[in-house]
PDB file of all heavy atoms in Angstrom:
ATOM      1  N   GLU A   1      90.837 102.594  -7.272  1.00  0.00           N
ATOM      2  CA  GLU A   1      89.367 102.432  -7.397  1.00  0.00           C
ATOM      3  C   GLU A   1      88.522 103.361  -6.571  1.00  0.00           C
ATOM      4  O   GLU A   1      87.487 103.872  -7.100  1.00  0.00           O
ATOM      5  CB  GLU A   1      88.953 100.975  -7.122  1.00  0.00           C
ATOM      6  CG  GLU A   1      89.021 100.559  -5.676  1.00  0.00           C
ATOM      7  CD  GLU A   1      88.568  99.070  -5.486  1.00  0.00           C
ATOM      8  OE1 GLU A   1      87.679  98.726  -6.098  1.00  0.00           O
ATOM      9  OE2 GLU A   1      89.303  98.331  -4.752  1.00  0.00           O
ATOM     10  N   ALA A   2      88.975 103.843  -5.426  1.00  0.00           N
ATOM     11  CA  ALA A   2      88.368 104.829  -4.682  1.00  0.00           C
ATOM     12  C   ALA A   2      88.323 106.100  -5.376  1.00  0.00           C
ATOM     13  O   ALA A   2      87.354 106.861  -5.418  1.00  0.00           O
ATOM     14  CB  ALA A   2      89.031 104.959  -3.287  1.00  0.00           C
ATOM     15  N   LEU A   3      89.436 106.441  -5.990  1.00  0.00           N
ATOM     16  CA  LEU A   3      89.568 107.699  -6.815  1.00  0.00           C
ATOM     17  C   LEU A   3      88.701 107.650  -8.014  1.00  0.00           C
ATOM     18  O   LEU A   3      87.996 108.581  -8.453  1.00  0.00           O
ATOM     19  CB  LEU A   3      91.070 107.946  -7.196  1.00  0.00           C
ATOM     20  CG  LEU A   3      91.366 109.189  -7.991  1.00  0.00           C
ATOM     21  CD1 LEU A   3      90.895 110.465  -7.183  1.00  0.00           C
ATOM     22  CD2 LEU A   3      92.794 109.234  -8.338  1.00  0.00           C
ATOM     23  N   GLY A   4      88.685 106.401  -8.731  1.00  0.00           N
ATOM     24  CA  GLY A   4      87.911 106.270  -9.981  1.00  0.00           C
ATOM     25  C   GLY A   4      86.472 106.338  -9.709  1.00  0.00           C
ATOM     26  O   GLY A   4      85.701 106.779 -10.614  1.00  0.00           O
ATOM     27  N   LEU A   5      85.989 105.837  -8.659  1.00  0.00           N
ATOM     28  CA  LEU A   5      84.525 105.868  -8.287  1.00  0.00           C
ATOM     29  C   LEU A   5      84.177 106.875  -7.354  1.00  0.00           C
ATOM     30  O   LEU A   5      82.897 106.845  -7.024  1.00  0.00           O
ATOM     31  CB  LEU A   5      84.116 104.339  -7.850  1.00  0.00           C
ATOM     32  CG  LEU A   5      84.329 103.244  -8.829  1.00  0.00           C
ATOM     33  CD1 LEU A   5      83.991 101.951  -8.127  1.00  0.00           C
ATOM     34  CD2 LEU A   5      83.408 103.415 -10.002  1.00  0.00           C
ATOM     35  N   GLY A   6      84.974 107.561  -6.787  1.00  0.00           N
ATOM     36  CA  GLY A   6      84.604 108.711  -5.873  1.00  0.00           C
ATOM     37  C   GLY A   6      84.255 108.102  -4.513  1.00  0.00           C
ATOM     38  O   GLY A   6      83.280 108.590  -3.852  1.00  0.00           O
ATOM     39  N   LEU A   7      84.999 107.030  -3.998  1.00  0.00           N
ATOM     40  CA  LEU A   7      84.596 106.321  -2.789  1.00  0.00           C
ATOM     41  C   LEU A   7      85.297 107.154  -1.713  1.00  0.00           C
ATOM     42  O   LEU A   7      86.311 107.622  -1.822  1.00  0.00           O
ATOM     43  CB  LEU A   7      85.089 104.911  -2.797  1.00  0.00           C
ATOM     44  CG  LEU A   7      84.622 104.049  -3.968  1.00  0.00           C
ATOM     45  CD1 LEU A   7      85.105 102.602  -3.741  1.00  0.00           C
ATOM     46  CD2 LEU A   7      83.079 104.038  -4.035  1.00  0.00           C
ATOM     47  N   THR A   8      84.595 107.170  -0.521  1.00  0.00           N
ATOM     48  CA  THR A   8      85.222 107.680   0.726  1.00  0.00           C
ATOM     49  C   THR A   8      86.273 106.532   1.327  1.00  0.00           C
ATOM     50  O   THR A   8      86.208 105.405   0.863  1.00  0.00           O
ATOM     51  CB  THR A   8      84.136 107.963   1.787  1.00  0.00           C
ATOM     52  OG1 THR A   8      83.575 106.814   2.253  1.00  0.00           O
ATOM     53  CG2 THR A   8      83.057 108.940   1.284  1.00  0.00           C
ATOM     54  N   THR A   9      87.023 107.073   2.322  1.00  0.00           N
ATOM     55  CA  THR A   9      87.951 106.126   2.873  1.00  0.00           C
ATOM     56  C   THR A   9      87.256 104.917   3.612  1.00  0.00           C
ATOM     57  O   THR A   9      87.730 103.715   3.408  1.00  0.00           O
ATOM     58  CB  THR A   9      88.796 106.853   3.903  1.00  0.00           C
ATOM     59  OG1 THR A   9      89.530 107.840   3.304  1.00  0.00           O
ATOM     60  CG2 THR A   9      89.879 105.933   4.487  1.00  0.00           C
ATOM     61  N   SER A  10      86.167 105.234   4.283  1.00  0.00           N
ATOM     62  CA  SER A  10      85.360 104.102   4.878  1.00  0.00           C
ATOM     63  C   SER A  10      84.766 103.248   3.920  1.00  0.00           C
ATOM     64  O   SER A  10      84.759 101.999   4.279  1.00  0.00           O
ATOM     65  CB  SER A  10      84.348 104.756   5.879  1.00  0.00           C
ATOM     66  OG  SER A  10      83.468 105.513   5.064  1.00  0.00           O
ATOM     67  N   GLU A  11      84.155 103.667   2.792  1.00  0.00           N
ATOM     68  CA  GLU A  11      83.671 102.877   1.754  1.00  0.00           C
ATOM     69  C   GLU A  11      84.781 101.978   1.207  1.00  0.00           C
ATOM     70  O   GLU A  11      84.401 100.752   0.927  1.00  0.00           O
ATOM     71  CB  GLU A  11      82.976 103.713   0.717  1.00  0.00           C
ATOM     72  CG  GLU A  11      81.712 104.437   1.104  1.00  0.00           C
ATOM     73  CD  GLU A  11      81.142 105.231   0.198  1.00  0.00           C
ATOM     74  OE1 GLU A  11      81.936 105.742  -0.729  1.00  0.00           O
ATOM     75  OE2 GLU A  11      79.959 105.669   0.166  1.00  0.00           O
ATOM     76  N   ALA A  12      85.852 102.508   0.836  1.00  0.00           N
ATOM     77  CA  ALA A  12      86.948 101.674   0.335  1.00  0.00           C
ATOM     78  C   ALA A  12      87.310 100.578   1.266  1.00  0.00           C
ATOM     79  O   ALA A  12      87.507  99.400   0.975  1.00  0.00           O
ATOM     80  CB  ALA A  12      88.137 102.653  -0.005  1.00  0.00           C
ATOM     81  N   GLY A  13      87.605 100.969   2.472  1.00  0.00           N
ATOM     82  CA  GLY A  13      87.925  99.961   3.532  1.00  0.00           C
ATOM     83  C   GLY A  13      86.870  98.914   3.723  1.00  0.00           C
ATOM     84  O   GLY A  13      87.204  97.833   3.954  1.00  0.00           O
ATOM     85  N   SER A  14      85.588  99.206   3.609  1.00  0.00           N
ATOM     86  CA  SER A  14      84.475  98.262   3.718  1.00  0.00           C
ATOM     87  C   SER A  14      84.514  97.126   2.658  1.00  0.00           C
ATOM     88  O   SER A  14      84.038  96.086   2.862  1.00  0.00           O
ATOM     89  CB  SER A  14      83.109  98.909   3.795  1.00  0.00           C
ATOM     90  OG  SER A  14      82.782  99.391   2.524  1.00  0.00           O
ATOM     91  N   LEU A  15      85.069  97.445   1.551  1.00  0.00           N
ATOM     92  CA  LEU A  15      85.231  96.445   0.470  1.00  0.00           C
ATOM     93  C   LEU A  15      86.033  95.301   0.900  1.00  0.00           C
ATOM     94  O   LEU A  15      85.681  94.089   0.682  1.00  0.00           O
ATOM     95  CB  LEU A  15      85.815  97.143  -0.760  1.00  0.00           C
ATOM     96  CG  LEU A  15      85.096  98.173  -1.484  1.00  0.00           C
ATOM     97  CD1 LEU A  15      85.899  98.743  -2.607  1.00  0.00           C
ATOM     98  CD2 LEU A  15      83.725  97.689  -1.933  1.00  0.00           C
ATOM     99  N   VAL A  16      87.065  95.492   1.692  1.00  0.00           N
ATOM    100  CA  VAL A  16      87.935  94.409   2.218  1.00  0.00           C
ATOM    101  C   VAL A  16      87.216  93.679   3.301  1.00  0.00           C
ATOM    102  O   VAL A  16      87.064  92.359   3.252  1.00  0.00           O
ATOM    103  CB  VAL A  16      89.249  94.998   2.852  1.00  0.00           C
ATOM    104  CG1 VAL A  16      90.103  93.859   3.473  1.00  0.00           C
ATOM    105  CG2 VAL A  16      90.052  95.747   1.806  1.00  0.00           C
ATOM    106  N   THR A  17      86.473  94.356   4.135  1.00  0.00           N
ATOM    107  CA  THR A  17      85.686  93.792   5.225  1.00  0.00           C
ATOM    108  C   THR A  17      84.666  92.892   4.800  1.00  0.00           C
ATOM    109  O   THR A  17      84.445  91.677   5.131  1.00  0.00           O
ATOM    110  CB  THR A  17      85.071  94.921   6.062  1.00  0.00           C
ATOM    111  OG1 THR A  17      86.009  95.873   6.685  1.00  0.00           O
ATOM    112  CG2 THR A  17      84.254  94.231   7.278  1.00  0.00           C
ATOM    113  N   TRP A  18      83.862  93.382   3.665  1.00  0.00           N
ATOM    114  CA  TRP A  18      82.851  92.469   3.148  1.00  0.00           C
ATOM    115  C   TRP A  18      83.318  91.381   2.313  1.00  0.00           C
ATOM    116  O   TRP A  18      82.635  90.372   2.224  1.00  0.00           O
ATOM    117  CB  TRP A  18      81.843  93.417   2.423  1.00  0.00           C
ATOM    118  CG  TRP A  18      80.833  94.073   3.358  1.00  0.00           C
ATOM    119  CD1 TRP A  18      81.012  95.301   3.906  1.00  0.00           C
ATOM    120  CD2 TRP A  18      79.725  93.485   3.934  1.00  0.00           C
ATOM    121  NE1 TRP A  18      79.979  95.556   4.839  1.00  0.00           N
ATOM    122  CE2 TRP A  18      79.207  94.410   4.838  1.00  0.00           C
ATOM    123  CE3 TRP A  18      78.990  92.259   3.861  1.00  0.00           C
ATOM    124  CZ2 TRP A  18      78.029  94.133   5.615  1.00  0.00           C
ATOM    125  CZ3 TRP A  18      78.011  92.034   4.626  1.00  0.00           C
ATOM    126  CH2 TRP A  18      77.437  92.973   5.436  1.00  0.00           C
ATOM    127  N   THR A  19      84.473  91.577   1.767  1.00  0.00           N
ATOM    128  CA  THR A  19      85.131  90.331   1.084  1.00  0.00           C
ATOM    129  C   THR A  19      85.376  89.265   2.081  1.00  0.00           C
ATOM    130  O   THR A  19      85.185  88.026   1.794  1.00  0.00           O
ATOM    131  CB  THR A  19      86.441  90.746   0.394  1.00  0.00           C
ATOM    132  OG1 THR A  19      86.162  91.782  -0.639  1.00  0.00           O
ATOM    133  CG2 THR A  19      87.054  89.547  -0.350  1.00  0.00           C
ATOM    134  N   LEU A  20      85.947  89.668   3.244  1.00  0.00           N
ATOM    135  CA  LEU A  20      86.254  88.626   4.240  1.00  0.00           C
ATOM    136  C   LEU A  20      84.998  87.995   4.921  1.00  0.00           C
ATOM    137  O   LEU A  20      84.931  86.832   5.146  1.00  0.00           O
ATOM    138  CB  LEU A  20      87.009  89.272   5.401  1.00  0.00           C
ATOM    139  CG  LEU A  20      88.559  89.631   4.950  1.00  0.00           C
ATOM    140  CD1 LEU A  20      89.103  90.384   6.138  1.00  0.00           C
ATOM    141  CD2 LEU A  20      89.266  88.485   4.532  1.00  0.00           C
ATOM    142  N   ILE A  21      83.897  88.918   5.072  1.00  0.00           N
ATOM    143  CA  ILE A  21      82.675  88.430   5.536  1.00  0.00           C
ATOM    144  C   ILE A  21      82.047  87.315   4.508  1.00  0.00           C
ATOM    145  O   ILE A  21      81.587  86.267   4.931  1.00  0.00           O
ATOM    146  CB  ILE A  21      81.703  89.547   5.766  1.00  0.00           C
ATOM    147  CG1 ILE A  21      82.068  90.402   6.916  1.00  0.00           C
ATOM    148  CG2 ILE A  21      80.293  89.001   6.021  1.00  0.00           C
ATOM    149  CD1 ILE A  21      81.247  91.697   7.182  1.00  0.00           C
ATOM    150  N   GLY A  22      82.176  87.656   3.204  1.00  0.00           N
ATOM    151  CA  GLY A  22      81.783  86.774   2.215  1.00  0.00           C
ATOM    152  C   GLY A  22      82.475  85.385   2.235  1.00  0.00           C
ATOM    153  O   GLY A  22      81.967  84.415   2.036  1.00  0.00           O
ATOM    154  N   ALA A  23      83.774  85.622   2.508  1.00  0.00           N
ATOM    155  CA  ALA A  23      84.708  84.356   2.686  1.00  0.00           C
ATOM    156  C   ALA A  23      84.309  83.457   3.721  1.00  0.00           C
ATOM    157  O   ALA A  23      84.238  82.252   3.648  1.00  0.00           O
ATOM    158  CB  ALA A  23      86.133  84.797   2.781  1.00  0.00           C
ATOM    159  N   VAL A  24      83.892  84.005   4.963  1.00  0.00           N
ATOM    160  CA  VAL A  24      83.476  83.222   6.072  1.00  0.00           C
ATOM    161  C   VAL A  24      82.225  82.544   5.754  1.00  0.00           C
ATOM    162  O   VAL A  24      82.090  81.326   5.954  1.00  0.00           O
ATOM    163  CB  VAL A  24      83.275  84.121   7.284  1.00  0.00           C
ATOM    164  CG1 VAL A  24      82.553  83.316   8.480  1.00  0.00           C
ATOM    165  CG2 VAL A  24      84.682  84.676   7.813  1.00  0.00           C
ATOM    166  N   ILE A  25      81.204  83.214   5.082  1.00  0.00           N
ATOM    167  CA  ILE A  25      80.022  82.616   4.579  1.00  0.00           C
ATOM    168  C   ILE A  25      80.202  81.514   3.602  1.00  0.00           C
ATOM    169  O   ILE A  25      79.589  80.404   3.790  1.00  0.00           O
ATOM    170  CB  ILE A  25      79.008  83.642   4.062  1.00  0.00           C
ATOM    171  CG1 ILE A  25      78.644  84.706   5.109  1.00  0.00           C
ATOM    172  CG2 ILE A  25      77.745  83.026   3.505  1.00  0.00           C
ATOM    173  CD1 ILE A  25      77.874  85.909   4.483  1.00  0.00           C
ATOM    174  N   GLY A  26      81.203  81.753   2.587  1.00  0.00           N
ATOM    175  CA  GLY A  26      81.430  80.777   1.684  1.00  0.00           C
ATOM    176  C   GLY A  26      82.106  79.591   2.202  1.00  0.00           C
ATOM    177  O   GLY A  26      81.910  78.491   1.711  1.00  0.00           O
ATOM    178  N   GLY A  27      82.971  79.766   3.144  1.00  0.00           N
ATOM    179  CA  GLY A  27      83.619  78.691   3.851  1.00  0.00           C
ATOM    180  C   GLY A  27      82.652  77.728   4.429  1.00  0.00           C
ATOM    181  O   GLY A  27      82.835  76.538   4.284  1.00  0.00           O
ATOM    182  N   LEU A  28      81.631  78.247   5.114  1.00  0.00           N
ATOM    183  CA  LEU A  28      80.677  77.368   5.715  1.00  0.00           C
ATOM    184  C   LEU A  28      79.725  76.728   4.745  1.00  0.00           C
ATOM    185  O   LEU A  28      79.471  75.531   4.791  1.00  0.00           O
ATOM    186  CB  LEU A  28      79.774  78.239   6.731  1.00  0.00           C
ATOM    187  CG  LEU A  28      80.562  78.939   7.815  1.00  0.00           C
ATOM    188  CD1 LEU A  28      79.578  79.773   8.711  1.00  0.00           C
ATOM    189  CD2 LEU A  28      81.345  78.033   8.693  1.00  0.00           C
ATOM    190  N   VAL A  29      79.195  77.534   3.756  1.00  0.00           N
ATOM    191  CA  VAL A  29      78.408  77.009   2.705  1.00  0.00           C
ATOM    192  C   VAL A  29      78.913  75.943   1.840  1.00  0.00           C
ATOM    193  O   VAL A  29      78.542  74.724   1.693  1.00  0.00           O
ATOM    194  CB  VAL A  29      77.691  78.184   1.926  1.00  0.00           C
ATOM    195  CG1 VAL A  29      76.934  77.437   0.842  1.00  0.00           C
ATOM    196  CG2 VAL A  29      76.873  78.944   2.817  1.00  0.00           C
ATOM    197  N   PHE A  30      80.125  76.243   1.269  1.00  0.00           N
ATOM    198  CA  PHE A  30      80.721  75.368   0.322  1.00  0.00           C
ATOM    199  C   PHE A  30      81.359  74.184   1.053  1.00  0.00           C
ATOM    200  O   PHE A  30      81.569  73.125   0.483  1.00  0.00           O
ATOM    201  CB  PHE A  30      81.797  76.076  -0.481  1.00  0.00           C
ATOM    202  CG  PHE A  30      81.272  76.974  -1.586  1.00  0.00           C
ATOM    203  CD1 PHE A  30      81.235  78.411  -1.580  1.00  0.00           C
ATOM    204  CD2 PHE A  30      80.621  76.310  -2.712  1.00  0.00           C
ATOM    205  CE1 PHE A  30      80.691  79.034  -2.548  1.00  0.00           C
ATOM    206  CE2 PHE A  30      80.172  77.122  -3.725  1.00  0.00           C
ATOM    207  CZ  PHE A  30      80.057  78.493  -3.663  1.00  0.00           C
ATOM    208  N   GLY A  31      81.832  74.363   2.237  1.00  0.00           N
ATOM    209  CA  GLY A  31      82.320  73.145   2.945  1.00  0.00           C
ATOM    210  C   GLY A  31      81.254  72.061   3.127  1.00  0.00           C
ATOM    211  O   GLY A  31      81.640  70.904   2.853  1.00  0.00           O
ATOM    212  N   VAL A  32      80.060  72.479   3.497  1.00  0.00           N
ATOM    213  CA  VAL A  32      79.026  71.541   3.666  1.00  0.00           C
ATOM    214  C   VAL A  32      78.636  71.021   2.331  1.00  0.00           C
ATOM    215  O   VAL A  32      78.453  69.732   2.083  1.00  0.00           O
ATOM    216  CB  VAL A  32      77.756  72.209   4.293  1.00  0.00           C
ATOM    217  CG1 VAL A  32      76.554  71.169   4.266  1.00  0.00           C
ATOM    218  CG2 VAL A  32      78.041  72.577   5.638  1.00  0.00           C
ATOM    219  N   LEU A  33      78.513  71.728   1.300  1.00  0.00           N
ATOM    220  CA  LEU A  33      78.077  71.264  -0.066  1.00  0.00           C
ATOM    221  C   LEU A  33      79.183  70.347  -0.613  1.00  0.00           C
ATOM    222  O   LEU A  33      78.826  69.253  -1.294  1.00  0.00           O
ATOM    223  CB  LEU A  33      78.101  72.528  -1.100  1.00  0.00           C
ATOM    224  CG  LEU A  33      76.870  73.390  -0.816  1.00  0.00           C
ATOM    225  CD1 LEU A  33      76.896  74.580  -1.733  1.00  0.00           C
ATOM    226  CD2 LEU A  33      75.587  72.639  -1.006  1.00  0.00           C
ATOM    227  N   SER A  34      80.452  70.541  -0.234  1.00  0.00           N
ATOM    228  CA  SER A  34      81.572  69.622  -0.704  1.00  0.00           C
ATOM    229  C   SER A  34      81.469  68.205  -0.066  1.00  0.00           C
ATOM    230  O   SER A  34      81.614  67.235  -0.708  1.00  0.00           O
ATOM    231  CB  SER A  34      82.920  70.142  -0.304  1.00  0.00           C
ATOM    232  OG  SER A  34      83.997  69.333  -0.652  1.00  0.00           O
ATOM    233  N   ASP A  35      80.875  68.185   1.202  1.00  0.00           N
ATOM    234  CA  ASP A  35      80.864  66.937   1.893  1.00  0.00           C
ATOM    235  C   ASP A  35      79.697  66.166   1.471  1.00  0.00           C
ATOM    236  O   ASP A  35      79.570  64.992   1.476  1.00  0.00           O
ATOM    237  CB  ASP A  35      80.681  67.138   3.364  1.00  0.00           C
ATOM    238  CG  ASP A  35      82.015  67.474   4.074  1.00  0.00           C
ATOM    239  OD1 ASP A  35      83.023  67.004   3.605  1.00  0.00           O
ATOM    240  OD2 ASP A  35      81.975  68.286   5.027  1.00  0.00           O
ATOM    241  N   TYR A  36      78.712  66.882   0.881  1.00  0.00           N
ATOM    242  CA  TYR A  36      77.474  66.186   0.233  1.00  0.00           C
ATOM    243  C   TYR A  36      77.605  65.779  -1.235  1.00  0.00           C
ATOM    244  O   TYR A  36      77.271  64.764  -1.665  1.00  0.00           O
ATOM    245  CB  TYR A  36      76.254  67.121   0.388  1.00  0.00           C
ATOM    246  CG  TYR A  36      75.506  66.967   1.727  1.00  0.00           C
ATOM    247  CD1 TYR A  36      75.815  67.898   2.756  1.00  0.00           C
ATOM    248  CD2 TYR A  36      74.647  65.947   1.940  1.00  0.00           C
ATOM    249  CE1 TYR A  36      75.104  67.858   4.043  1.00  0.00           C
ATOM    250  CE2 TYR A  36      73.953  65.835   3.305  1.00  0.00           C
ATOM    251  CZ  TYR A  36      74.273  66.726   4.236  1.00  0.00           C
ATOM    252  OH  TYR A  36      73.675  66.664   5.416  1.00  0.00           O
ATOM    253  N   TYR A  37      78.242  66.758  -2.072  1.00  0.00           N
ATOM    254  CA  TYR A  37      78.166  66.530  -3.434  1.00  0.00           C
ATOM    255  C   TYR A  37      79.521  66.311  -4.113  1.00  0.00           C
ATOM    256  O   TYR A  37      79.599  66.004  -5.343  1.00  0.00           O
ATOM    257  CB  TYR A  37      77.660  67.831  -4.075  1.00  0.00           C
ATOM    258  CG  TYR A  37      76.096  68.066  -3.568  1.00  0.00           C
ATOM    259  CD1 TYR A  37      75.845  69.073  -2.738  1.00  0.00           C
ATOM    260  CD2 TYR A  37      75.156  67.225  -3.989  1.00  0.00           C
ATOM    261  CE1 TYR A  37      74.486  69.324  -2.319  1.00  0.00           C
ATOM    262  CE2 TYR A  37      73.836  67.369  -3.572  1.00  0.00           C
ATOM    263  CZ  TYR A  37      73.575  68.463  -2.790  1.00  0.00           C
ATOM    264  OH  TYR A  37      72.305  68.674  -2.268  1.00  0.00           O
TER     265      TYR A  37
END
């Protein structure tokens, strides 16, 4: 995908980082929602 979209190495690596950051946010948000709904 880096080759297909012309991404730099740091941009490609940040996709993993931000996926994990999103996962941490989602874990907190959806955990609370699950306990309520």
